[in-house]
Amino acid sequence: MIYHLWEREEYRCPTGAAECGSTVTLRCQSDRGEVKLALRDDAGERILPMEREGEWYSVSFAVPERSGLLFYRLLAFEEATPERQITVYAPTETPDWYKNAIVYQIFPDRFARHGDYVPRQPEKRKGSYRFLVPDWDTPVFYPRDERQAVSAWPFWGGSLKGIEEKLDYLTSLGVSCLYLNPIFEACSNHRYDTADYLRIDPLLGSEEDFVHLCERAGERGIRIILDGVFSHTGADSRYFDLFGNYGTAERYRAWFRFGAQYPHGYESWWDVPDLPNVEELCESYLAFICGENGVLRHWLRLGASGWRLDVADELPDAFIRAVRRAVKSEKSDAVLIGEVWEDASNKESYGQRREYFGGEELDGVMNYPLRTALLGFMKGELDAYACAEALNLLQEHYPRENLLGGLNLIGSHDRARVLTELDGDVEKLRMLSVLQYALPGVPCIYYGDEAGMTGGSDPYNRGSFPWGRENRALTEHYRALGAWYQSHSELRTGDCTLRAMDADTLCLKRGTLSITANRKTLEVKL
C-alpha cells in the first residue's frame, strides 16, 4: 500500500497550491517496494524516481515558471494513488478590506422603496410591456403567455435611495460591503439585459443617487460592488436596438455575431433572444468597457469599490485579464470576483480549461461548491465525509488569496431560498450560517435570508423584503454572527482544518476556534 496524505506538510510541502517556480516535495510510505512519481501537465507525463529514506520515499521538483496545473500520481509495483492536482500560480493579493468583509447581496427592485416614494410607471418601450406593482407586499410573479414565456415585466419600486435609507440596518448586521445585482438601464426587472452601461436605470434613481449612496455607505465603512454583465447585452438596448427604441444599432453592429446558423439570426446567450452575445475582444467593445474612460473606470470613479463579473466562464480569459488591468490601475484596492459555479481552478468551458487564479485574473469567485456541500450535508444528501472532502478540495486547489477571496454564499438570486431548501427549518439555517461564516472565504447574505424569506426558483426567490414582518429572532442571530465574525480575526484569515468525525459530524478548526456540527446540534469552542 502507498500511504500519502496530501493535506499534511510531512507528505506534501507546501500543501495546496504552489507559487510559480517554487519547489514541491512529495513524500510517502509504502510496503510495495520502489516508488515513482508520475507528473503530468499539458505537455504530457514524465516519471521521476523517489529516494528512499528509511521507511519514507521522497522526491522534490520545481514547478513551472508560469501559472497552470500539474497532476501527480505515486506508483509502486502494480499500485497507483489517485491523481492529485497542484495549482501553480503567480502571487497576488486580494484586497484586505474585502477579505475582512461581510457582504450583503441586494436585488435592487425588491429591497426597499425610499421614504418619500411616489409611484412611477416605467418608461414605455416598443417591444415590451412594463408596469408598476402598487402594493410592496404583493407576492412576486411573472405574467406569462400561452408558451409560458414572460409576457410583461412587473416592478416593485425598490431604489438606490431605499438602500441608502437602510444603511443603519445593514450596519447592524455587521455588513461592510454591498453586492448589487445590475443597476443599469434595462428592459427587465432583473436587469441582466443591459440597455445602457453608463446610465442608472431611472426606476432605481440617478447617477447622483448612486454617488450619494456610495458616500453615505462609505461613512459607515461599507463598500459597494457592482454587477458587470459583459458577455451579452439586452436586445432592447442602445447597442443592439432590436425594436428601434434608440436608433443606434448600426453604430455597434461589429459587437455582435449575425448569421443564419443562429436560431434568431444572431448569436444569443443560451439562445435567449433577449440576450444577444457580444464579441468581447472586438477592439471597440474592449475599449468601451476597459478603456481609460470606459465603463469599469467610470463607475469606480463615482464610488464603486469593485466588480462582480456575470457568467465569467463565458468571458474569454484575455477579456478578464483586460478587465483586471483596468480595475486595478484605476483603483488598486478594488476587488474583482467572478461567477463560476464549479471548482474554478480547473474549470473547462467551450472545450478549453479556463484560468482564473494565475495572478492576472480574478481575486475570487462565487463559492457555489461551498453552498452545494453545506446544503447537501444539512439536508442529509451528503454525509460528513463527502462534505469535508468537497470543501477540502477547494483548499487543496485554490491559492490562499483566492480561497480567502471566495464569496461564501448559501442564498442567491439564481437559486431557491435557503430556508425553502431546508423545508423551513430555521434551526438548520442557524447552524448552516455559522459554518458559512467560519469556513475560509467572505460570507455573503442574500437579502432577506436573515429575515426568514422563503421562495422557490426565479422569480419566487426575488420577493420584496418583508419590512415589519421579519423573523426577528433570526435577524438577531445574524447580528450576533456579524459581531462574532468581526471580533475573531481567525474567522477571516486563519488557517482551516476540516474533517469528518463520523458520517454525521463535522469538526472545523480555525486558529483557537473549534466547531463541531451535525444536522441537529452545533458546538462552538474558543
Protein backbone atom coordinates (compact mmCIF):
# COMPACT_ATOMS: atom_id res chain seq x y z
CA MET A 1 0.00 0.00 0.00
CA ILE A 2 1.17 3.55 -0.77
CA TYR A 3 0.44 5.89 2.15
CA HIS A 4 0.27 9.59 1.15
CA LEU A 5 -1.81 12.25 2.91
CA TRP A 6 -1.70 15.25 0.58
CA GLU A 7 -3.20 17.63 3.15
CA ARG A 8 -0.30 17.19 5.63
CA GLU A 9 3.00 19.03 5.24
CA GLU A 10 5.06 15.95 6.10
CA TYR A 11 3.65 14.35 2.92
CA ARG A 12 3.38 17.38 0.62
CA CYS A 13 5.24 20.62 1.16
CA PRO A 14 3.84 23.10 0.52
CA THR A 15 0.31 21.77 0.82
CA GLY A 16 -2.23 23.18 -1.59
CA ALA A 17 -1.30 25.44 -4.50
CA ALA A 18 2.34 26.22 -5.35
CA GLU A 19 3.87 29.54 -6.39
CA CYS A 20 5.39 29.70 -9.89
CA GLY A 21 8.99 28.47 -9.94
CA SER A 22 8.85 27.10 -6.39
CA THR A 23 9.92 23.63 -5.25
CA VAL A 24 7.45 21.00 -4.13
CA THR A 25 8.45 17.99 -2.06
CA LEU A 26 6.29 14.87 -2.01
CA ARG A 27 6.77 12.04 0.49
CA CYS A 28 5.06 8.74 1.11
CA GLN A 29 5.36 5.41 2.84
CA SER A 30 4.98 2.12 1.00
CA ASP A 31 5.16 -1.61 1.60
CA ARG A 32 5.29 -2.26 -2.14
CA GLY A 33 8.98 -1.50 -2.71
CA GLU A 34 10.32 1.18 -5.04
CA VAL A 35 8.04 4.20 -5.53
CA LYS A 36 8.00 6.57 -8.50
CA LEU A 37 6.27 9.86 -9.22
CA ALA A 38 4.17 10.30 -12.36
CA LEU A 39 3.93 14.04 -13.05
CA ARG A 40 1.57 15.29 -15.76
CA ASP A 41 0.94 18.67 -17.35
CA ASP A 42 -0.37 19.84 -20.73
CA ALA A 43 2.86 18.70 -22.37
CA GLY A 44 2.46 15.10 -21.22
CA GLU A 45 3.56 12.83 -18.38
CA ARG A 46 7.04 12.16 -17.02
CA ILE A 47 8.25 9.69 -14.42
CA LEU A 48 10.61 10.70 -11.59
CA PRO A 49 12.26 8.27 -9.15
CA MET A 50 11.68 8.75 -5.43
CA GLU A 51 14.57 8.33 -3.00
CA ARG A 52 14.25 6.05 -0.01
CA GLU A 53 14.96 7.42 3.45
CA GLY A 54 14.28 4.67 5.97
CA GLU A 55 10.55 3.98 5.76
CA TRP A 56 9.93 7.10 3.66
CA TYR A 57 10.17 7.79 -0.07
CA SER A 58 10.59 11.38 -1.25
CA VAL A 59 11.12 13.50 -4.35
CA SER A 60 11.47 17.26 -4.91
CA PHE A 61 10.83 19.09 -8.17
CA ALA A 62 10.45 22.65 -9.41
CA VAL A 63 7.02 23.66 -10.71
CA PRO A 64 6.83 25.71 -13.94
CA GLU A 65 7.65 29.42 -14.03
CA ARG A 66 4.19 30.21 -15.41
CA SER A 67 0.79 29.51 -13.93
CA GLY A 68 -1.15 26.36 -14.79
CA LEU A 69 -1.97 22.92 -13.44
CA LEU A 70 0.14 19.88 -12.56
CA PHE A 71 -1.25 16.45 -11.74
CA TYR A 72 0.61 13.67 -9.94
CA ARG A 73 0.31 10.00 -9.04
CA LEU A 74 2.58 7.81 -6.93
CA LEU A 75 3.41 4.42 -8.44
CA ALA A 76 4.69 1.24 -6.75
CA PHE A 77 4.66 -2.23 -8.29
CA GLU A 78 1.11 -2.53 -9.72
CA GLU A 79 -0.43 0.11 -7.46
CA ALA A 80 -1.07 3.82 -8.12
CA THR A 81 -2.54 6.52 -5.92
CA PRO A 82 -5.44 8.63 -7.24
CA GLU A 83 -4.28 11.61 -9.29
CA ARG A 84 -3.98 14.86 -7.31
CA GLN A 85 -3.86 18.43 -8.59
CA ILE A 86 -1.27 21.11 -7.87
CA THR A 87 -2.36 24.60 -8.92
CA VAL A 88 0.63 26.71 -9.99
CA TYR A 89 0.04 30.44 -9.55
CA ALA A 90 1.76 33.80 -9.64
CA PRO A 91 1.45 35.54 -6.24
CA THR A 92 -1.11 38.31 -5.92
CA GLU A 93 -3.05 39.87 -3.07
CA THR A 94 -6.81 40.06 -2.68
CA PRO A 95 -7.76 43.41 -1.09
CA ASP A 96 -7.67 43.24 2.71
CA TRP A 97 -10.91 45.17 3.15
CA TYR A 98 -12.71 42.56 1.07
CA LYS A 99 -11.16 39.55 2.82
CA ASN A 100 -12.37 41.02 6.12
CA ALA A 101 -15.85 41.91 4.88
CA ILE A 102 -19.36 40.62 5.36
CA VAL A 103 -21.16 41.06 2.03
CA TYR A 104 -24.89 41.65 1.58
CA GLN A 105 -26.37 40.90 -1.86
CA ILE A 106 -29.28 43.08 -2.97
CA PHE A 107 -31.74 42.55 -5.81
CA PRO A 108 -32.40 46.29 -6.22
CA ASP A 109 -36.06 46.27 -7.32
CA ARG A 110 -37.11 44.26 -4.25
CA PHE A 111 -35.07 45.55 -1.29
CA ALA A 112 -36.64 48.87 -0.29
CA ARG A 113 -38.61 51.82 -1.59
CA HIS A 114 -37.43 55.17 -0.23
CA GLY A 115 -39.40 57.13 2.32
CA ASP A 116 -40.78 59.81 0.02
CA TYR A 117 -41.58 57.25 -2.67
CA VAL A 118 -44.03 58.38 -5.33
CA PRO A 119 -45.44 55.65 -7.62
CA ARG A 120 -43.86 55.96 -11.05
CA GLN A 121 -44.76 53.88 -14.07
CA PRO A 122 -41.80 52.54 -16.10
CA GLU A 123 -40.92 54.31 -19.32
CA LYS A 124 -42.89 52.90 -22.25
CA ARG A 125 -40.80 50.99 -24.75
CA LYS A 126 -41.58 49.46 -28.11
CA GLY A 127 -41.35 45.68 -27.98
CA SER A 128 -42.21 45.19 -24.29
CA TYR A 129 -44.75 45.94 -21.61
CA ARG A 130 -43.59 47.04 -18.16
CA PHE A 131 -45.72 48.07 -15.20
CA LEU A 132 -45.52 49.02 -11.54
CA VAL A 133 -46.96 46.80 -8.79
CA PRO A 134 -48.64 49.27 -6.40
CA ASP A 135 -48.51 47.20 -3.20
CA TRP A 136 -44.97 46.44 -1.99
CA ASP A 137 -46.11 43.25 -0.26
CA THR A 138 -47.70 41.72 -3.35
CA PRO A 139 -46.30 38.18 -3.82
CA VAL A 140 -43.79 38.10 -6.65
CA PHE A 141 -44.93 36.80 -10.04
CA TYR A 142 -44.28 36.80 -13.80
CA PRO A 143 -47.11 37.33 -16.30
CA ARG A 144 -46.74 34.55 -18.89
CA ASP A 145 -48.14 33.91 -22.34
CA GLU A 146 -49.52 30.67 -23.75
CA ARG A 147 -45.94 29.43 -24.34
CA GLN A 148 -45.11 30.19 -20.69
CA ALA A 149 -42.68 32.91 -21.75
CA VAL A 150 -42.56 36.10 -19.66
CA SER A 151 -45.00 38.46 -21.37
CA ALA A 152 -44.50 41.58 -19.23
CA TRP A 153 -42.12 42.90 -16.59
CA PRO A 154 -43.58 43.88 -13.20
CA PHE A 155 -41.60 46.27 -10.98
CA TRP A 156 -41.93 46.71 -7.22
CA GLY A 157 -40.17 50.07 -6.99
CA GLY A 158 -37.05 49.40 -4.96
CA SER A 159 -34.49 52.19 -5.36
CA LEU A 160 -30.96 53.35 -4.56
CA LYS A 161 -32.39 55.84 -2.08
CA GLY A 162 -34.27 52.97 -0.48
CA ILE A 163 -30.96 51.13 0.01
CA GLU A 164 -29.39 54.28 1.44
CA GLU A 165 -32.17 54.64 3.99
CA LYS A 166 -31.50 51.08 5.21
CA LEU A 167 -27.75 51.55 5.77
CA ASP A 168 -28.14 51.62 9.55
CA TYR A 169 -30.00 48.31 9.38
CA LEU A 170 -27.24 46.82 7.24
CA THR A 171 -24.59 48.13 9.62
CA SER A 172 -26.37 46.37 12.50
CA LEU A 173 -25.77 43.06 10.68
CA GLY A 174 -22.04 43.75 10.52
CA VAL A 175 -22.24 44.29 6.75
CA SER A 176 -19.26 46.12 5.26
CA CYS A 177 -19.88 45.54 1.55
CA LEU A 178 -22.95 45.58 -0.69
CA TYR A 179 -23.07 43.49 -3.85
CA LEU A 180 -25.78 44.98 -6.05
CA ASN A 181 -27.38 42.96 -8.82
CA PRO A 182 -27.44 45.08 -12.02
CA ILE A 183 -28.46 48.71 -11.57
CA PHE A 184 -28.06 49.96 -15.15
CA GLU A 185 -30.87 50.80 -17.53
CA ALA A 186 -32.59 47.66 -18.84
CA CYS A 187 -35.96 46.44 -20.06
CA SER A 188 -36.42 43.68 -17.48
CA ASN A 189 -36.71 43.86 -13.69
CA HIS A 190 -33.62 41.66 -13.20
CA ARG A 191 -31.58 43.99 -15.46
CA TYR A 192 -29.23 41.31 -16.80
CA ASP A 193 -30.28 42.59 -20.23
CA THR A 194 -28.28 45.83 -20.08
CA ALA A 195 -29.64 48.64 -22.23
CA ASP A 196 -27.12 51.35 -21.27
CA TYR A 197 -23.97 50.64 -19.25
CA LEU A 198 -23.48 54.33 -18.48
CA ARG A 199 -26.95 55.15 -17.12
CA ILE A 200 -28.57 54.15 -13.84
CA ASP A 201 -31.99 52.68 -14.50
CA PRO A 202 -34.39 55.60 -13.93
CA LEU A 203 -36.65 53.36 -11.84
CA LEU A 204 -33.77 52.97 -9.37
CA GLY A 205 -32.69 56.59 -9.37
CA SER A 206 -29.95 58.69 -10.91
CA GLU A 207 -26.19 58.86 -11.12
CA GLU A 208 -26.34 61.44 -8.35
CA ASP A 209 -28.25 58.94 -6.20
CA PHE A 210 -25.53 56.36 -6.81
CA VAL A 211 -22.76 58.76 -5.83
CA HIS A 212 -24.67 59.74 -2.70
CA LEU A 213 -25.25 56.08 -1.78
CA CYS A 214 -21.52 55.36 -2.11
CA GLU A 215 -20.66 58.37 0.04
CA ARG A 216 -23.18 57.59 2.81
CA ALA A 217 -22.21 53.91 2.76
CA GLY A 218 -18.52 54.84 2.92
CA GLU A 219 -19.15 56.91 6.04
CA ARG A 220 -20.29 53.67 7.70
CA GLY A 221 -17.37 51.63 6.38
CA ILE A 222 -19.49 49.95 3.70
CA ARG A 223 -18.20 49.49 0.15
CA ILE A 224 -20.16 48.68 -2.99
CA ILE A 225 -19.55 46.02 -5.67
CA LEU A 226 -21.38 46.32 -8.98
CA ASP A 227 -22.60 43.52 -11.24
CA GLY A 228 -20.91 43.66 -14.66
CA VAL A 229 -22.87 41.87 -17.37
CA PHE A 230 -20.39 41.92 -20.24
CA SER A 231 -20.91 38.64 -22.12
CA HIS A 232 -24.19 39.89 -23.60
CA THR A 233 -26.39 42.98 -23.73
CA GLY A 234 -30.14 43.35 -23.95
CA ALA A 235 -31.77 43.03 -27.36
CA ASP A 236 -33.66 46.18 -26.37
CA SER A 237 -30.55 48.28 -25.81
CA ARG A 238 -28.78 51.19 -27.43
CA TYR A 239 -26.21 48.64 -28.63
CA PHE A 240 -28.42 46.04 -30.33
CA ASP A 241 -31.62 48.11 -30.56
CA LEU A 242 -33.90 45.34 -31.82
CA PHE A 243 -37.05 47.46 -31.52
CA GLY A 244 -35.64 50.81 -32.58
CA ASN A 245 -36.02 52.49 -29.19
CA TYR A 246 -32.62 54.16 -29.58
CA GLY A 247 -31.85 54.41 -33.30
CA THR A 248 -28.23 53.42 -32.70
CA ALA A 249 -27.97 49.77 -33.86
CA GLU A 250 -25.64 50.35 -36.83
CA ARG A 251 -23.08 52.07 -34.63
CA TYR A 252 -22.47 48.89 -32.61
CA ARG A 253 -23.08 46.17 -35.19
CA ALA A 254 -19.46 44.94 -35.02
CA TRP A 255 -20.02 43.89 -31.39
CA PHE A 256 -22.46 41.12 -32.32
CA ARG A 257 -22.43 37.91 -34.38
CA PHE A 258 -25.10 37.58 -37.06
CA GLY A 259 -25.90 34.65 -39.32
CA ALA A 260 -28.50 32.13 -40.47
CA GLN A 261 -26.79 29.47 -38.32
CA TYR A 262 -28.27 31.12 -35.22
CA PRO A 263 -31.91 30.38 -34.28
CA HIS A 264 -32.79 34.07 -34.09
CA GLY A 265 -30.41 35.31 -36.78
CA TYR A 266 -27.84 36.37 -34.20
CA GLU A 267 -25.89 34.58 -31.51
CA SER A 268 -27.51 34.93 -28.11
CA TRP A 269 -26.80 33.78 -24.57
CA TRP A 270 -28.16 30.23 -24.27
CA ASP A 271 -30.32 31.04 -27.32
CA VAL A 272 -32.38 33.55 -25.31
CA PRO A 273 -33.44 36.13 -27.93
CA ASP A 274 -33.49 38.97 -25.38
CA LEU A 275 -29.75 38.49 -24.69
CA PRO A 276 -27.54 38.84 -27.80
CA ASN A 277 -23.96 37.78 -27.17
CA VAL A 278 -21.17 40.27 -27.76
CA GLU A 279 -17.72 39.73 -29.24
CA GLU A 280 -15.79 40.68 -26.10
CA LEU A 281 -12.45 41.03 -27.87
CA CYS A 282 -13.81 43.35 -30.54
CA GLU A 283 -11.46 46.33 -30.30
CA SER A 284 -14.19 48.95 -29.91
CA TYR A 285 -16.11 46.90 -27.32
CA LEU A 286 -12.95 46.23 -25.32
CA ALA A 287 -12.16 49.94 -25.30
CA PHE A 288 -15.74 50.80 -24.31
CA ILE A 289 -15.61 48.50 -21.27
CA CYS A 290 -11.92 48.62 -20.28
CA GLY A 291 -10.61 51.86 -21.79
CA GLU A 292 -9.36 54.95 -19.98
CA ASN A 293 -12.87 56.41 -19.97
CA GLY A 294 -14.65 53.07 -20.17
CA VAL A 295 -17.50 51.60 -18.18
CA LEU A 296 -15.34 49.98 -15.49
CA ARG A 297 -13.41 53.12 -14.61
CA HIS A 298 -16.46 55.38 -14.87
CA TRP A 299 -18.31 53.71 -12.00
CA LEU A 300 -15.16 53.18 -9.93
CA ARG A 301 -14.53 56.92 -10.16
CA LEU A 302 -18.06 57.57 -8.97
CA GLY A 303 -17.60 55.47 -5.85
CA ALA A 304 -17.78 51.73 -6.58
CA SER A 305 -15.11 49.54 -4.97
CA GLY A 306 -15.17 46.59 -7.34
CA TRP A 307 -16.98 44.44 -9.86
CA ARG A 308 -18.58 41.03 -9.98
CA LEU A 309 -18.38 39.52 -13.48
CA ASP A 310 -21.57 37.78 -14.55
CA VAL A 311 -21.06 34.36 -16.23
CA ALA A 312 -17.28 34.69 -16.01
CA ASP A 313 -16.87 31.25 -17.60
CA GLU A 314 -18.34 32.67 -20.82
CA LEU A 315 -15.87 35.55 -20.96
CA PRO A 316 -12.54 34.99 -22.76
CA ASP A 317 -9.53 34.77 -20.43
CA ALA A 318 -7.95 37.67 -22.31
CA PHE A 319 -11.02 39.81 -21.64
CA ILE A 320 -10.94 39.03 -17.91
CA ARG A 321 -7.26 39.96 -17.79
CA ALA A 322 -8.06 43.26 -19.54
CA VAL A 323 -10.84 43.91 -17.03
CA ARG A 324 -8.44 43.28 -14.13
CA ARG A 325 -5.82 45.64 -15.56
CA ALA A 326 -8.41 48.39 -15.94
CA VAL A 327 -9.93 47.88 -12.50
CA LYS A 328 -6.64 47.65 -10.60
CA SER A 329 -5.00 50.55 -12.44
CA GLU A 330 -7.98 52.77 -11.68
CA LYS A 331 -8.31 51.75 -8.03
CA SER A 332 -5.57 49.49 -6.69
CA ASP A 333 -7.67 48.10 -3.84
CA ALA A 334 -10.74 47.43 -5.97
CA VAL A 335 -11.93 43.82 -5.97
CA LEU A 336 -12.79 41.62 -8.95
CA ILE A 337 -14.85 38.48 -8.42
CA GLY A 338 -16.44 36.19 -10.96
CA GLU A 339 -19.47 33.96 -11.31
CA VAL A 340 -18.15 30.40 -11.62
CA TRP A 341 -20.35 27.59 -10.36
CA GLU A 342 -17.75 24.82 -10.17
CA ASP A 343 -14.19 24.40 -8.90
CA ALA A 344 -12.70 27.45 -10.60
CA SER A 345 -9.12 26.16 -10.53
CA ASN A 346 -9.78 23.51 -13.22
CA LYS A 347 -12.97 24.78 -14.83
CA GLU A 348 -13.42 23.92 -18.51
CA SER A 349 -15.87 25.69 -20.82
CA TYR A 350 -16.28 25.55 -24.57
CA GLY A 351 -13.59 22.88 -24.73
CA GLN A 352 -10.89 24.93 -23.00
CA ARG A 353 -9.51 24.95 -19.49
CA ARG A 354 -10.06 28.39 -18.01
CA GLU A 355 -7.54 30.33 -15.96
CA TYR A 356 -8.90 32.46 -13.14
CA PHE A 357 -6.17 32.23 -10.49
CA GLY A 358 -2.96 32.74 -12.44
CA GLY A 359 -2.34 36.12 -10.80
CA GLU A 360 -3.73 38.24 -13.64
CA GLU A 361 -7.44 37.41 -13.43
CA LEU A 362 -9.88 37.21 -10.51
CA ASP A 363 -9.47 37.90 -6.80
CA GLY A 364 -12.13 35.32 -6.04
CA VAL A 365 -15.23 33.55 -7.30
CA MET A 366 -18.73 32.97 -6.03
CA ASN A 367 -18.39 29.89 -3.87
CA TYR A 368 -21.23 27.73 -5.15
CA PRO A 369 -19.37 24.47 -4.29
CA LEU A 370 -19.47 25.53 -0.62
CA ARG A 371 -23.22 26.10 -0.88
CA THR A 372 -23.72 22.71 -2.52
CA ALA A 373 -21.66 20.88 0.11
CA LEU A 374 -23.13 22.56 3.18
CA LEU A 375 -26.74 22.32 1.97
CA GLY A 376 -26.19 18.71 0.97
CA PHE A 377 -24.89 17.92 4.45
CA MET A 378 -27.67 19.75 6.31
CA LYS A 379 -30.35 18.09 4.13
CA GLY A 380 -28.88 14.61 4.59
CA GLU A 381 -27.95 14.27 0.92
CA LEU A 382 -24.20 14.16 1.73
CA ASP A 383 -22.57 12.54 4.73
CA ALA A 384 -19.90 14.40 6.68
CA TYR A 385 -17.09 12.61 4.84
CA ALA A 386 -18.32 13.73 1.42
CA CYS A 387 -18.97 17.28 2.65
CA ALA A 388 -15.49 17.60 4.16
CA GLU A 389 -13.88 16.14 1.04
CA ALA A 390 -15.67 18.65 -1.23
CA LEU A 391 -14.63 21.62 0.90
CA ASN A 392 -11.09 20.40 1.47
CA LEU A 393 -10.69 20.02 -2.28
CA LEU A 394 -11.10 23.80 -2.62
CA GLN A 395 -8.36 24.32 -0.03
CA GLU A 396 -6.13 21.97 -1.99
CA HIS A 397 -6.78 23.59 -5.36
CA TYR A 398 -7.14 27.33 -4.66
CA PRO A 399 -4.23 29.69 -3.99
CA ARG A 400 -4.66 31.02 -0.46
CA GLU A 401 -5.55 34.58 -1.51
CA ASN A 402 -8.22 33.29 -3.89
CA LEU A 403 -9.57 30.91 -1.26
CA LEU A 404 -9.92 33.78 1.20
CA GLY A 405 -11.49 35.85 -1.60
CA GLY A 406 -14.24 33.34 -2.34
CA LEU A 407 -17.76 34.73 -1.88
CA ASN A 408 -19.28 32.23 0.54
CA LEU A 409 -22.96 32.24 -0.38
CA ILE A 410 -25.80 29.99 0.71
CA GLY A 411 -28.51 32.05 -1.00
CA SER A 412 -28.60 33.97 -4.27
CA HIS A 413 -30.91 35.31 -6.96
CA ASP A 414 -30.13 32.21 -9.05
CA ARG A 415 -31.22 29.57 -6.53
CA ALA A 416 -34.24 28.78 -4.37
CA ARG A 417 -34.19 30.49 -0.98
CA VAL A 418 -32.06 28.61 1.52
CA LEU A 419 -34.90 28.39 4.06
CA THR A 420 -37.10 26.81 1.39
CA GLU A 421 -34.31 24.34 0.62
CA LEU A 422 -34.29 23.47 4.33
CA ASP A 423 -38.09 22.97 4.44
CA GLY A 424 -38.46 25.98 6.70
CA ASP A 425 -36.16 24.61 9.42
CA VAL A 426 -34.79 27.81 10.96
CA GLU A 427 -32.51 25.94 13.36
CA LYS A 428 -30.76 24.24 10.46
CA LEU A 429 -30.31 27.65 8.82
CA ARG A 430 -28.70 28.93 12.02
CA MET A 431 -26.22 26.06 12.01
CA LEU A 432 -25.60 26.38 8.29
CA SER A 433 -24.89 30.11 8.59
CA VAL A 434 -22.35 29.54 11.38
CA LEU A 435 -20.44 27.13 9.13
CA GLN A 436 -20.74 29.62 6.25
CA TYR A 437 -19.10 32.34 8.36
CA ALA A 438 -16.47 30.01 9.81
CA LEU A 439 -15.11 28.50 6.58
CA PRO A 440 -12.41 30.31 4.54
CA GLY A 441 -13.91 32.99 2.32
CA VAL A 442 -16.11 36.07 2.58
CA PRO A 443 -19.61 35.40 3.99
CA CYS A 444 -22.44 36.76 1.86
CA ILE A 445 -26.06 37.25 2.98
CA TYR A 446 -28.69 37.21 0.23
CA TYR A 447 -31.12 39.98 1.10
CA GLY A 448 -33.97 38.71 3.24
CA ASP A 449 -32.44 35.37 4.20
CA GLU A 450 -31.72 36.93 7.59
CA ALA A 451 -35.41 37.92 7.80
CA GLY A 452 -36.69 34.41 7.12
CA MET A 453 -37.74 34.91 3.49
CA THR A 454 -38.74 31.80 1.56
CA GLY A 455 -39.34 31.06 -2.11
CA GLY A 456 -38.52 28.63 -4.87
CA SER A 457 -36.58 29.36 -8.04
CA ASP A 458 -36.89 32.56 -10.09
CA PRO A 459 -39.00 34.65 -9.57
CA TYR A 460 -40.02 33.35 -6.14
CA ASN A 461 -36.52 33.80 -4.69
CA ARG A 462 -36.73 37.51 -5.57
CA GLY A 463 -39.64 38.66 -3.44
CA SER A 464 -39.97 42.08 -1.83
CA PHE A 465 -38.26 42.42 1.57
CA PRO A 466 -40.84 41.89 4.35
CA TRP A 467 -40.21 45.11 6.28
CA GLY A 468 -42.11 44.91 9.57
CA ARG A 469 -42.75 41.19 9.16
CA GLU A 470 -39.23 39.85 9.65
CA ASN A 471 -38.35 36.79 11.70
CA ARG A 472 -36.77 38.96 14.37
CA ALA A 473 -35.08 36.09 16.20
CA LEU A 474 -33.36 35.03 13.01
CA THR A 475 -32.29 38.62 12.29
CA GLU A 476 -30.79 38.83 15.79
CA HIS A 477 -28.91 35.61 15.08
CA TYR A 478 -27.33 37.24 12.01
CA ARG A 479 -26.47 40.33 14.05
CA ALA A 480 -24.70 38.11 16.57
CA LEU A 481 -22.94 36.29 13.73
CA GLY A 482 -21.68 39.61 12.38
CA ALA A 483 -20.30 40.65 15.76
CA TRP A 484 -18.70 37.21 16.25
CA TYR A 485 -17.09 37.32 12.82
CA GLN A 486 -15.64 40.78 13.26
CA SER A 487 -14.28 40.08 16.74
CA HIS A 488 -12.34 36.93 15.75
CA SER A 489 -9.66 37.52 13.14
CA GLU A 490 -9.08 33.78 12.68
CA LEU A 491 -12.54 33.57 11.09
CA ARG A 492 -11.37 35.94 8.39
CA THR A 493 -7.80 34.94 7.63
CA GLY A 494 -6.91 31.95 9.81
CA ASP A 495 -5.81 28.53 8.55
CA CYS A 496 -8.61 25.98 8.43
CA THR A 497 -8.72 22.28 9.25
CA LEU A 498 -11.91 20.42 8.40
CA ARG A 499 -12.59 16.73 8.93
CA ALA A 500 -15.43 14.30 9.48
CA MET A 501 -15.53 12.72 12.93
CA ASP A 502 -18.12 10.24 11.68
CA ALA A 503 -20.74 10.11 8.92
CA ASP A 504 -22.92 12.66 10.72
CA THR A 505 -20.41 15.01 12.36
CA LEU A 506 -18.10 17.71 11.01
CA CYS A 507 -15.25 19.21 13.01
CA LEU A 508 -13.84 22.56 11.88
CA LYS A 509 -10.87 24.39 13.41
CA ARG A 510 -9.61 27.89 12.62
CA GLY A 511 -6.86 29.08 14.95
CA THR A 512 -8.05 28.57 18.53
CA LEU A 513 -11.67 28.25 17.45
CA SER A 514 -13.33 24.85 17.12
CA ILE A 515 -16.78 23.99 15.76
CA THR A 516 -18.44 20.60 15.93
CA ALA A 517 -21.63 20.25 13.91
CA ASN A 518 -24.14 17.61 12.96
CA ARG A 519 -27.60 18.12 11.48
CA LYS A 520 -29.21 18.76 14.87
CA THR A 521 -26.66 20.47 17.10
CA LEU A 522 -23.67 22.75 16.79
CA GLU A 523 -20.99 23.46 19.41
CA VAL A 524 -18.51 26.33 19.24
CA LYS A 525 -15.39 26.44 21.47
CA LEU A 526 -12.95 29.35 21.70
